[in-house]
C-alpha atoms as a PDB file:
ATOM      1  CA  MET A   1     -19.960  -0.407   6.198  1.00  0.00           C
ATOM      2  CA  LYS A   2     -16.261   0.670   4.975  1.00  0.00           C
ATOM      3  CA  THR A   3     -13.873  -2.276   4.362  1.00  0.00           C
ATOM      4  CA  ASN A   4     -10.383  -1.561   4.132  1.00  0.00           C
ATOM      5  CA  LYS A   5      -7.553  -3.914   2.316  1.00  0.00           C
ATOM      6  CA  GLU A   6      -4.460  -4.844   3.958  1.00  0.00           C
ATOM      7  CA  TYR A   7      -1.125  -6.044   2.219  1.00  0.00           C
ATOM      8  CA  SER A   8       1.988  -6.621   4.113  1.00  0.00           C
ATOM      9  CA  ASN A   9       5.754  -7.741   3.767  1.00  0.00           C
ATOM     10  CA  GLY A  10       5.880  -8.471   6.968  1.00  0.00           C
ATOM     11  CA  GLU A  11       8.059  -5.137   7.997  1.00  0.00           C
ATOM     12  CA  VAL A  12       5.142  -2.635   6.766  1.00  0.00           C
ATOM     13  CA  THR A  13       1.551  -2.966   5.964  1.00  0.00           C
ATOM     14  CA  ILE A  14      -0.058  -0.909   2.776  1.00  0.00           C
ATOM     15  CA  ILE A  15      -3.778  -0.101   3.782  1.00  0.00           C
ATOM     16  CA  TRP A  16      -6.121   0.678   1.301  1.00  0.00           C
ATOM     17  CA  GLN A  17      -9.393   2.254   1.539  1.00  0.00           C
ATOM     18  CA  PRO A  18     -11.665   1.877  -1.574  1.00  0.00           C
ATOM     19  CA  ASP A  19     -13.999   4.172  -0.542  1.00  0.00           C
ATOM     20  CA  LEU A  20     -11.808   7.086  -0.714  1.00  0.00           C
ATOM     21  CA  CYS A  21      -9.876   6.415  -3.766  1.00  0.00           C
ATOM     22  CA  ILE A  22     -10.315   8.427  -6.521  1.00  0.00           C
ATOM     23  CA  HIS A  23      -8.444   6.487  -8.946  1.00  0.00           C
ATOM     24  CA  CYS A  24      -6.042   9.152 -10.240  1.00  0.00           C
ATOM     25  CA  GLY A  25      -3.021   6.512 -10.635  1.00  0.00           C
ATOM     26  CA  TYR A  26      -0.173   8.572  -8.945  1.00  0.00           C
ATOM     27  CA  CYS A  27       0.351   5.085  -7.315  1.00  0.00           C
ATOM     28  CA  ALA A  28       0.299   2.782 -10.254  1.00  0.00           C
ATOM     29  CA  LYS A  29       2.556   5.393 -12.379  1.00  0.00           C
ATOM     30  CA  GLY A  30       4.996   5.623  -9.263  1.00  0.00           C
ATOM     31  CA  GLN A  31       5.350   2.021  -8.894  1.00  0.00           C
ATOM     32  CA  PRO A  32       3.801  -0.164 -11.288  1.00  0.00           C
ATOM     33  CA  GLU A  33       5.757  -3.116  -9.987  1.00  0.00           C
ATOM     34  CA  VAL A  34       4.112  -2.873  -7.035  1.00  0.00           C
ATOM     35  CA  PHE A  35       0.430  -0.965  -7.790  1.00  0.00           C
ATOM     36  CA  LYS A  36      -1.137  -2.925 -10.736  1.00  0.00           C
ATOM     37  CA  PRO A  37      -5.078  -1.891 -10.864  1.00  0.00           C
ATOM     38  CA  LYS A  38      -5.487  -4.597 -13.580  1.00  0.00           C
ATOM     39  CA  GLU A  39      -4.396  -7.593 -11.007  1.00  0.00           C
ATOM     40  CA  LYS A  40      -6.250  -9.143  -8.043  1.00  0.00           C
ATOM     41  CA  PRO A  41      -4.847  -8.456  -5.742  1.00  0.00           C
ATOM     42  CA  TRP A  42      -3.704  -5.210  -7.077  1.00  0.00           C
ATOM     43  CA  ILE A  43      -0.928  -4.361  -4.651  1.00  0.00           C
ATOM     44  CA  ASN A  44       2.063  -6.548  -4.407  1.00  0.00           C
ATOM     45  CA  PRO A  45       3.740  -5.574  -1.212  1.00  0.00           C
ATOM     46  CA  ASN A  46       6.759  -7.640  -2.168  1.00  0.00           C
ATOM     47  CA  GLY A  47       7.513  -5.636  -5.184  1.00  0.00           C
ATOM     48  CA  ALA A  48       9.583  -3.082  -3.932  1.00  0.00           C
ATOM     49  CA  ALA A  49      11.768  -2.188  -1.047  1.00  0.00           C
ATOM     50  CA  SER A  50       9.656  -1.134   2.246  1.00  0.00           C
ATOM     51  CA  GLU A  51      11.059   2.830   2.155  1.00  0.00           C
ATOM     52  CA  ALA A  52      10.175   3.071  -1.495  1.00  0.00           C
ATOM     53  CA  MET A  53       6.559   1.913  -0.841  1.00  0.00           C
ATOM     54  CA  VAL A  54       6.361   4.166   1.797  1.00  0.00           C
ATOM     55  CA  ASN A  55       7.115   7.025  -0.344  1.00  0.00           C
ATOM     56  CA  GLN A  56       4.726   6.526  -2.662  1.00  0.00           C
ATOM     57  CA  VAL A  57       1.872   5.846  -0.716  1.00  0.00           C
ATOM     58  CA  LYS A  58       2.309   9.198   0.934  1.00  0.00           C
ATOM     59  CA  GLN A  59       1.852  10.852  -2.503  1.00  0.00           C
ATOM     60  CA  CYS A  60      -1.812   9.615  -2.252  1.00  0.00           C
ATOM     61  CA  PRO A  61      -3.855  12.956  -2.780  1.00  0.00           C
ATOM     62  CA  SER A  62      -7.134  11.178  -1.663  1.00  0.00           C
ATOM     63  CA  GLY A  63      -5.667   9.508   1.273  1.00  0.00           C
ATOM     64  CA  ALA A  64      -6.722   6.423   0.355  1.00  0.00           C
ATOM     65  CA  LEU A  65      -3.812   4.644   0.775  1.00  0.00           C
ATOM     66  CA  SER A  66      -1.828   4.548   4.173  1.00  0.00           C
ATOM     67  CA  PHE A  67       0.695   2.178   5.689  1.00  0.00           C
ATOM     68  CA  ARG A  68       1.760   0.935   9.241  1.00  0.00           C
ATOM     69  CA  TYR A  69       5.183  -0.133  10.136  1.00  0.00           C
ATOM     70  CA  ASN A  70       4.478  -3.703  11.564  1.00  0.00           C
ATOM     71  CA  GLN A  71       6.077  -4.335  15.390  1.00  0.00           C
ATOM     72  CA  LYS A  72       8.867  -6.939  15.370  1.00  0.00           C
ATOM     73  CA  LYS A  73       8.478  -9.755  18.390  1.00  0.00           C
ATOM     74  CA  VAL A  74      11.221  -9.529  20.397  1.00  0.00           C
ATOM     75  CA  ASP A  75      12.339 -12.789  22.070  1.00  0.00           C
ATOM     76  CA  GLU A  76      12.732 -12.711  25.906  1.00  0.00           C
END
């Protein structure tokens, strides 16, 4: 069974698929304030602006990191 981990700052959610991760370290080298492999949890979704994190996630060569924008609730 594949387990995905999700980390959210309220605006964007980073999704990590450990089974796909090749541990190349692009994420940690590019944004060490967000991606901290030696800590638990290893992703700090409040470590950088949402767009900066999204741009870093897009550089993941294995596809282990992805993201989604969270929908804001609209008051009716």
